[in-house]
Amino acid sequence: MDIKQNVIRKSYDLYCRYGIKSVTMDDIAREMGMSKKTLYQYFDNKTDLLEQIFLQHIEDEKEMMGNIKARAADAIEEIVEVGRYVVSLLREVSPTAVYDLQKYYWSIWVELEALHKQYIYESIRENILWGIKQGFYRSNLDADIIAKLFVGKTSLIVDEEMFPAKDYQKGELFQEFINYHIQGIASVKGRQLLEKYQAIEKKPS
């Protein structure tokens, strides 16, 4: 991994743990064992660093989603594994980081949300069509509408007015949402398969 990528990864970890506002460029330079002057050879300022961090984060998510799809035996397994992956991500992110991004770097948040919504929409739409073809989702679904509803509902999970961080864990919220989504679109055969995957997940390792 080159120096720039290493800074991006390390900065993302720091922001997730401590929030964005409280972590300065000095903190990042110190953590990397480099001077701030060297850090500014790779990034114009904190805003530039944040933009690159979240663009990289989206590319990483796309890669992981592609890997999950490639491994999945069926549409139900894919969406269950996507849910597990997203929950693990949400548990790593401090609620402060999301709050800081929305409050102090709104333009980046808007850009991130737009990119995120587009690829999530495409992934969910493909999953729905796959599930219909396999008989695990109801045949009368409109994949376009359901995928857009899915995207819209995911935005609610990080809505502090609807689900304040002090009262709700984002990971548990998303897990409930995934179960709600699958139950709403699955056929009888799909629900049976979901129960099978859930039973496997509950088994002690």
C-alpha atoms as a PDB file:
ATOM      1  CA  MET A   1       0.000   0.000   0.000  1.00  0.00           C
ATOM      2  CA  ASP A   2       1.444   3.399  -0.970  1.00  0.00           C
ATOM      3  CA  ILE A   3       1.752   6.331   1.433  1.00  0.00           C
ATOM      4  CA  LYS A   4      -1.375   8.130   0.199  1.00  0.00           C
ATOM      5  CA  GLN A   5      -3.555   5.026   0.547  1.00  0.00           C
ATOM      6  CA  ASN A   6      -2.099   4.379   3.975  1.00  0.00           C
ATOM      7  CA  VAL A   7      -3.030   7.915   5.086  1.00  0.00           C
ATOM      8  CA  ILE A   8      -6.565   7.445   3.736  1.00  0.00           C
ATOM      9  CA  ARG A   9      -7.014   4.165   5.630  1.00  0.00           C
ATOM     10  CA  LYS A  10      -5.552   5.474   8.880  1.00  0.00           C
ATOM     11  CA  SER A  11      -7.556   8.722   8.716  1.00  0.00           C
ATOM     12  CA  TYR A  12     -10.774   6.802   8.110  1.00  0.00           C
ATOM     13  CA  ASP A  13     -10.097   4.699  11.222  1.00  0.00           C
ATOM     14  CA  LEU A  14      -9.427   7.819  13.305  1.00  0.00           C
ATOM     15  CA  TYR A  15     -12.557   9.599  12.079  1.00  0.00           C
ATOM     16  CA  CYS A  16     -14.708   6.521  12.735  1.00  0.00           C
ATOM     17  CA  ARG A  17     -13.402   6.213  16.290  1.00  0.00           C
ATOM     18  CA  TYR A  18     -13.235   9.839  17.404  1.00  0.00           C
ATOM     19  CA  GLY A  19     -15.407  11.833  15.007  1.00  0.00           C
ATOM     20  CA  ILE A  20     -14.303  14.165  12.234  1.00  0.00           C
ATOM     21  CA  LYS A  21     -14.202  17.535  13.939  1.00  0.00           C
ATOM     22  CA  SER A  22     -11.978  16.423  16.819  1.00  0.00           C
ATOM     23  CA  VAL A  23      -9.291  14.838  14.583  1.00  0.00           C
ATOM     24  CA  THR A  24      -7.004  17.479  13.088  1.00  0.00           C
ATOM     25  CA  MET A  25      -4.482  17.268  10.267  1.00  0.00           C
ATOM     26  CA  ASP A  26      -1.816  17.553  12.986  1.00  0.00           C
ATOM     27  CA  ASP A  27      -3.264  14.443  14.648  1.00  0.00           C
ATOM     28  CA  ILE A  28      -3.154  12.529  11.368  1.00  0.00           C
ATOM     29  CA  ALA A  29       0.413  13.613  10.594  1.00  0.00           C
ATOM     30  CA  ARG A  30       1.472  12.561  14.090  1.00  0.00           C
ATOM     31  CA  GLU A  31      -0.281   9.214  13.772  1.00  0.00           C
ATOM     32  CA  MET A  32       1.445   8.628  10.429  1.00  0.00           C
ATOM     33  CA  GLY A  33       4.853   9.667  11.756  1.00  0.00           C
ATOM     34  CA  MET A  34       5.232  12.400   9.142  1.00  0.00           C
ATOM     35  CA  SER A  35       5.302  16.177   9.113  1.00  0.00           C
ATOM     36  CA  LYS A  36       2.168  18.143   8.274  1.00  0.00           C
ATOM     37  CA  LYS A  37       4.072  19.573   5.306  1.00  0.00           C
ATOM     38  CA  THR A  38       4.516  16.051   3.939  1.00  0.00           C
ATOM     39  CA  LEU A  39       0.836  15.317   4.540  1.00  0.00           C
ATOM     40  CA  TYR A  40      -0.114  18.380   2.484  1.00  0.00           C
ATOM     41  CA  GLN A  41       1.867  17.010  -0.449  1.00  0.00           C
ATOM     42  CA  TYR A  42      -0.881  14.412  -0.820  1.00  0.00           C
ATOM     43  CA  PHE A  43      -3.978  16.392   0.226  1.00  0.00           C
ATOM     44  CA  ASP A  44      -4.829  20.068  -0.236  1.00  0.00           C
ATOM     45  CA  ASN A  45      -6.686  20.304   3.088  1.00  0.00           C
ATOM     46  CA  LYS A  46      -8.951  18.375   5.414  1.00  0.00           C
ATOM     47  CA  THR A  47     -11.916  18.670   3.042  1.00  0.00           C
ATOM     48  CA  ASP A  48      -9.868  17.180   0.210  1.00  0.00           C
ATOM     49  CA  LEU A  49      -8.776  14.340   2.490  1.00  0.00           C
ATOM     50  CA  LEU A  50     -12.371  13.651   3.521  1.00  0.00           C
ATOM     51  CA  GLU A  51     -13.572  13.570  -0.079  1.00  0.00           C
ATOM     52  CA  GLN A  52     -10.889  11.066  -1.006  1.00  0.00           C
ATOM     53  CA  ILE A  53     -11.547   8.952   2.089  1.00  0.00           C
ATOM     54  CA  PHE A  54     -15.227   8.560   1.328  1.00  0.00           C
ATOM     55  CA  LEU A  55     -14.742   8.011  -2.398  1.00  0.00           C
ATOM     56  CA  GLN A  56     -12.331   5.217  -1.485  1.00  0.00           C
ATOM     57  CA  HIS A  57     -14.823   3.914   1.075  1.00  0.00           C
ATOM     58  CA  ILE A  58     -17.507   3.637  -1.610  1.00  0.00           C
ATOM     59  CA  GLU A  59     -15.116   1.797  -3.937  1.00  0.00           C
ATOM     60  CA  ASP A  60     -14.258  -0.605  -1.100  1.00  0.00           C
ATOM     61  CA  GLU A  61     -17.957  -1.184  -0.442  1.00  0.00           C
ATOM     62  CA  LYS A  62     -18.615  -1.862  -4.131  1.00  0.00           C
ATOM     63  CA  GLU A  63     -15.797  -4.401  -4.191  1.00  0.00           C
ATOM     64  CA  MET A  64     -17.097  -6.138  -1.079  1.00  0.00           C
ATOM     65  CA  MET A  65     -20.668  -6.203  -2.411  1.00  0.00           C
ATOM     66  CA  GLY A  66     -19.358  -7.734  -5.644  1.00  0.00           C
ATOM     67  CA  ASN A  67     -17.504 -10.394  -3.661  1.00  0.00           C
ATOM     68  CA  ILE A  68     -20.618 -11.185  -1.637  1.00  0.00           C
ATOM     69  CA  LYS A  69     -22.708 -11.551  -4.800  1.00  0.00           C
ATOM     70  CA  ALA A  70     -20.089 -13.800  -6.407  1.00  0.00           C
ATOM     71  CA  ARG A  71     -20.066 -16.125  -3.372  1.00  0.00           C
ATOM     72  CA  ALA A  72     -23.813 -16.209  -2.727  1.00  0.00           C
ATOM     73  CA  ALA A  73     -25.763 -19.273  -3.794  1.00  0.00           C
ATOM     74  CA  ASP A  74     -29.013 -17.322  -4.030  1.00  0.00           C
ATOM     75  CA  ALA A  75     -30.572 -13.876  -3.639  1.00  0.00           C
ATOM     76  CA  ILE A  76     -31.577 -14.464  -0.001  1.00  0.00           C
ATOM     77  CA  GLU A  77     -28.041 -15.423   0.984  1.00  0.00           C
ATOM     78  CA  GLU A  78     -26.692 -12.359  -0.812  1.00  0.00           C
ATOM     79  CA  ILE A  79     -28.926  -9.898   1.012  1.00  0.00           C
ATOM     80  CA  VAL A  80     -28.359 -11.630   4.378  1.00  0.00           C
ATOM     81  CA  GLU A  81     -24.589 -11.384   3.886  1.00  0.00           C
ATOM     82  CA  VAL A  82     -24.863  -7.749   2.755  1.00  0.00           C
ATOM     83  CA  GLY A  83     -26.805  -7.043   5.939  1.00  0.00           C
ATOM     84  CA  ARG A  84     -24.134  -8.720   8.069  1.00  0.00           C
ATOM     85  CA  TYR A  85     -21.395  -6.730   6.320  1.00  0.00           C
ATOM     86  CA  VAL A  86     -23.161  -3.371   6.726  1.00  0.00           C
ATOM     87  CA  VAL A  87     -23.912  -4.073  10.385  1.00  0.00           C
ATOM     88  CA  SER A  88     -20.205  -4.734  11.007  1.00  0.00           C
ATOM     89  CA  LEU A  89     -19.366  -1.403   9.343  1.00  0.00           C
ATOM     90  CA  LEU A  90     -21.956   0.544  11.309  1.00  0.00           C
ATOM     91  CA  ARG A  91     -20.669  -0.859  14.579  1.00  0.00           C
ATOM     92  CA  GLU A  92     -17.217   0.534  13.802  1.00  0.00           C
ATOM     93  CA  VAL A  93     -18.421   4.078  13.111  1.00  0.00           C
ATOM     94  CA  SER A  94     -18.887   6.538  15.960  1.00  0.00           C
ATOM     95  CA  PRO A  95     -22.255   8.363  15.755  1.00  0.00           C
ATOM     96  CA  THR A  96     -20.187  11.526  16.190  1.00  0.00           C
ATOM     97  CA  ALA A  97     -18.500  10.917  12.825  1.00  0.00           C
ATOM     98  CA  VAL A  98     -21.831  10.844  10.983  1.00  0.00           C
ATOM     99  CA  TYR A  99     -23.048  13.916  12.875  1.00  0.00           C
ATOM    100  CA  ASP A 100     -19.842  15.848  12.111  1.00  0.00           C
ATOM    101  CA  LEU A 101     -19.979  14.964   8.430  1.00  0.00           C
ATOM    102  CA  GLN A 102     -23.588  16.102   8.137  1.00  0.00           C
ATOM    103  CA  LYS A 103     -23.061  19.311  10.114  1.00  0.00           C
ATOM    104  CA  TYR A 104     -19.623  20.545   9.066  1.00  0.00           C
ATOM    105  CA  TYR A 105     -19.088  18.944   5.650  1.00  0.00           C
ATOM    106  CA  TRP A 106     -22.580  18.966   4.196  1.00  0.00           C
ATOM    107  CA  SER A 107     -21.461  19.109   0.551  1.00  0.00           C
ATOM    108  CA  ILE A 108     -19.364  15.958   1.022  1.00  0.00           C
ATOM    109  CA  TRP A 109     -22.280  14.242   2.759  1.00  0.00           C
ATOM    110  CA  VAL A 110     -24.593  15.114  -0.151  1.00  0.00           C
ATOM    111  CA  GLU A 111     -22.059  13.840  -2.701  1.00  0.00           C
ATOM    112  CA  LEU A 112     -21.477  10.673  -0.690  1.00  0.00           C
ATOM    113  CA  GLU A 113     -25.195  10.021  -0.306  1.00  0.00           C
ATOM    114  CA  ALA A 114     -25.816  10.482  -4.052  1.00  0.00           C
ATOM    115  CA  LEU A 115     -23.079   8.018  -5.025  1.00  0.00           C
ATOM    116  CA  HIS A 116     -24.081   5.598  -2.305  1.00  0.00           C
ATOM    117  CA  LYS A 117     -27.768   5.666  -3.235  1.00  0.00           C
ATOM    118  CA  GLN A 118     -27.029   4.995  -6.905  1.00  0.00           C
ATOM    119  CA  TYR A 119     -24.945   1.876  -6.443  1.00  0.00           C
ATOM    120  CA  ILE A 120     -27.137   0.550  -3.605  1.00  0.00           C
ATOM    121  CA  TYR A 121     -30.192   1.017  -5.851  1.00  0.00           C
ATOM    122  CA  GLU A 122     -28.513  -0.913  -8.656  1.00  0.00           C
ATOM    123  CA  SER A 123     -27.376  -3.715  -6.317  1.00  0.00           C
ATOM    124  CA  ILE A 124     -30.785  -4.143  -4.685  1.00  0.00           C
ATOM    125  CA  ARG A 125     -32.620  -4.019  -8.003  1.00  0.00           C
ATOM    126  CA  GLU A 126     -30.367  -6.785  -9.377  1.00  0.00           C
ATOM    127  CA  ASN A 127     -30.896  -8.797  -6.199  1.00  0.00           C
ATOM    128  CA  ILE A 128     -34.673  -8.508  -6.509  1.00  0.00           C
ATOM    129  CA  LEU A 129     -34.658  -9.606 -10.150  1.00  0.00           C
ATOM    130  CA  TRP A 130     -32.402 -12.534  -9.241  1.00  0.00           C
ATOM    131  CA  GLY A 131     -34.654 -13.528  -6.355  1.00  0.00           C
ATOM    132  CA  ILE A 132     -37.768 -13.380  -8.537  1.00  0.00           C
ATOM    133  CA  LYS A 133     -36.068 -15.581 -11.144  1.00  0.00           C
ATOM    134  CA  GLN A 134     -35.136 -18.116  -8.456  1.00  0.00           C
ATOM    135  CA  GLY A 135     -38.630 -18.110  -6.963  1.00  0.00           C
ATOM    136  CA  PHE A 136     -37.471 -16.793  -3.573  1.00  0.00           C
ATOM    137  CA  TYR A 137     -39.168 -13.400  -4.041  1.00  0.00           C
ATOM    138  CA  ARG A 138     -42.771 -12.804  -5.082  1.00  0.00           C
ATOM    139  CA  SER A 139     -43.182 -12.703  -8.855  1.00  0.00           C
ATOM    140  CA  ASN A 140     -45.424  -9.604  -8.892  1.00  0.00           C
ATOM    141  CA  LEU A 141     -42.801  -7.213  -7.441  1.00  0.00           C
ATOM    142  CA  ASP A 142     -41.719  -4.040  -9.239  1.00  0.00           C
ATOM    143  CA  ALA A 143     -37.927  -4.223  -8.783  1.00  0.00           C
ATOM    144  CA  ASP A 144     -37.428  -0.524  -9.574  1.00  0.00           C
ATOM    145  CA  ILE A 145     -39.932   0.680  -6.963  1.00  0.00           C
ATOM    146  CA  ILE A 146     -38.801  -1.739  -4.248  1.00  0.00           C
ATOM    147  CA  ALA A 147     -35.126  -0.850  -4.793  1.00  0.00           C
ATOM    148  CA  LYS A 148     -35.917   2.866  -4.509  1.00  0.00           C
ATOM    149  CA  LEU A 149     -37.952   2.270  -1.354  1.00  0.00           C
ATOM    150  CA  PHE A 150     -34.999   0.343   0.084  1.00  0.00           C
ATOM    151  CA  VAL A 151     -32.639   3.239  -0.634  1.00  0.00           C
ATOM    152  CA  GLY A 152     -35.039   5.759   0.877  1.00  0.00           C
ATOM    153  CA  LYS A 153     -35.466   3.743   4.049  1.00  0.00           C
ATOM    154  CA  THR A 154     -31.723   3.300   4.576  1.00  0.00           C
ATOM    155  CA  SER A 155     -31.455   7.095   4.864  1.00  0.00           C
ATOM    156  CA  LEU A 156     -33.762   6.967   7.888  1.00  0.00           C
ATOM    157  CA  ILE A 157     -31.272   4.843   9.809  1.00  0.00           C
ATOM    158  CA  VAL A 158     -28.833   7.762  10.083  1.00  0.00           C
ATOM    159  CA  ASP A 159     -31.605  10.299  10.691  1.00  0.00           C
ATOM    160  CA  GLU A 160     -30.925  11.625  14.200  1.00  0.00           C
ATOM    161  CA  GLU A 161     -34.480  12.915  14.613  1.00  0.00           C
ATOM    162  CA  MET A 162     -36.049   9.572  13.777  1.00  0.00           C
ATOM    163  CA  PHE A 163     -33.434   7.335  15.433  1.00  0.00           C
ATOM    164  CA  PRO A 164     -31.199   9.310  17.833  1.00  0.00           C
ATOM    165  CA  ALA A 165     -27.864   7.576  18.474  1.00  0.00           C
ATOM    166  CA  LYS A 166     -28.376   7.731  22.242  1.00  0.00           C
ATOM    167  CA  ASP A 167     -31.451   5.505  21.931  1.00  0.00           C
ATOM    168  CA  TYR A 168     -30.646   3.235  18.973  1.00  0.00           C
ATOM    169  CA  GLN A 169     -27.629   1.235  17.814  1.00  0.00           C
ATOM    170  CA  LYS A 170     -27.232   1.709  14.049  1.00  0.00           C
ATOM    171  CA  GLY A 171     -26.114  -1.881  13.519  1.00  0.00           C
ATOM    172  CA  GLU A 172     -29.198  -3.314  15.218  1.00  0.00           C
ATOM    173  CA  LEU A 173     -31.415  -0.884  13.311  1.00  0.00           C
ATOM    174  CA  PHE A 174     -30.020  -2.029   9.985  1.00  0.00           C
ATOM    175  CA  GLN A 175     -30.382  -5.699  10.947  1.00  0.00           C
ATOM    176  CA  GLU A 176     -34.048  -5.123  11.734  1.00  0.00           C
ATOM    177  CA  PHE A 177     -34.456  -3.256   8.462  1.00  0.00           C
ATOM    178  CA  ILE A 178     -32.909  -6.082   6.408  1.00  0.00           C
ATOM    179  CA  ASN A 179     -35.204  -8.642   8.029  1.00  0.00           C
ATOM    180  CA  TYR A 180     -38.189  -6.340   7.419  1.00  0.00           C
ATOM    181  CA  HIS A 181     -37.168  -5.935   3.763  1.00  0.00           C
ATOM    182  CA  ILE A 182     -36.773  -9.648   3.071  1.00  0.00           C
ATOM    183  CA  GLN A 183     -39.995 -10.605   4.882  1.00  0.00           C
ATOM    184  CA  GLY A 184     -41.850  -8.039   2.788  1.00  0.00           C
ATOM    185  CA  ILE A 185     -40.743  -9.374  -0.596  1.00  0.00           C
ATOM    186  CA  ALA A 186     -40.055 -13.079  -0.019  1.00  0.00           C
ATOM    187  CA  SER A 187     -42.239 -15.886  -1.317  1.00  0.00           C
ATOM    188  CA  VAL A 188     -43.148 -18.790   0.963  1.00  0.00           C
ATOM    189  CA  LYS A 189     -40.096 -20.622  -0.353  1.00  0.00           C
ATOM    190  CA  GLY A 190     -37.971 -17.522   0.279  1.00  0.00           C
ATOM    191  CA  ARG A 191     -39.134 -17.211   3.892  1.00  0.00           C
ATOM    192  CA  GLN A 192     -38.274 -20.852   4.496  1.00  0.00           C
ATOM    193  CA  LEU A 193     -34.800 -20.252   3.102  1.00  0.00           C
ATOM    194  CA  LEU A 194     -34.399 -17.117   5.245  1.00  0.00           C
ATOM    195  CA  GLU A 195     -35.316 -19.121   8.346  1.00  0.00           C
ATOM    196  CA  LYS A 196     -32.667 -21.672   7.381  1.00  0.00           C
ATOM    197  CA  TYR A 197     -29.965 -18.986   7.119  1.00  0.00           C
ATOM    198  CA  GLN A 198     -31.072 -17.375  10.380  1.00  0.00           C
ATOM    199  CA  ALA A 199     -30.953 -20.740  12.163  1.00  0.00           C
ATOM    200  CA  ILE A 200     -27.397 -21.321  10.899  1.00  0.00           C
ATOM    201  CA  GLU A 201     -26.377 -17.854  12.085  1.00  0.00           C
ATOM    202  CA  LYS A 202     -27.742 -18.523  15.581  1.00  0.00           C
ATOM    203  CA  LYS A 203     -25.821 -21.771  15.985  1.00  0.00           C
ATOM    204  CA  PRO A 204     -22.811 -21.460  18.302  1.00  0.00           C
ATOM    205  CA  SER A 205     -19.536 -21.601  16.395  1.00  0.00           C
END
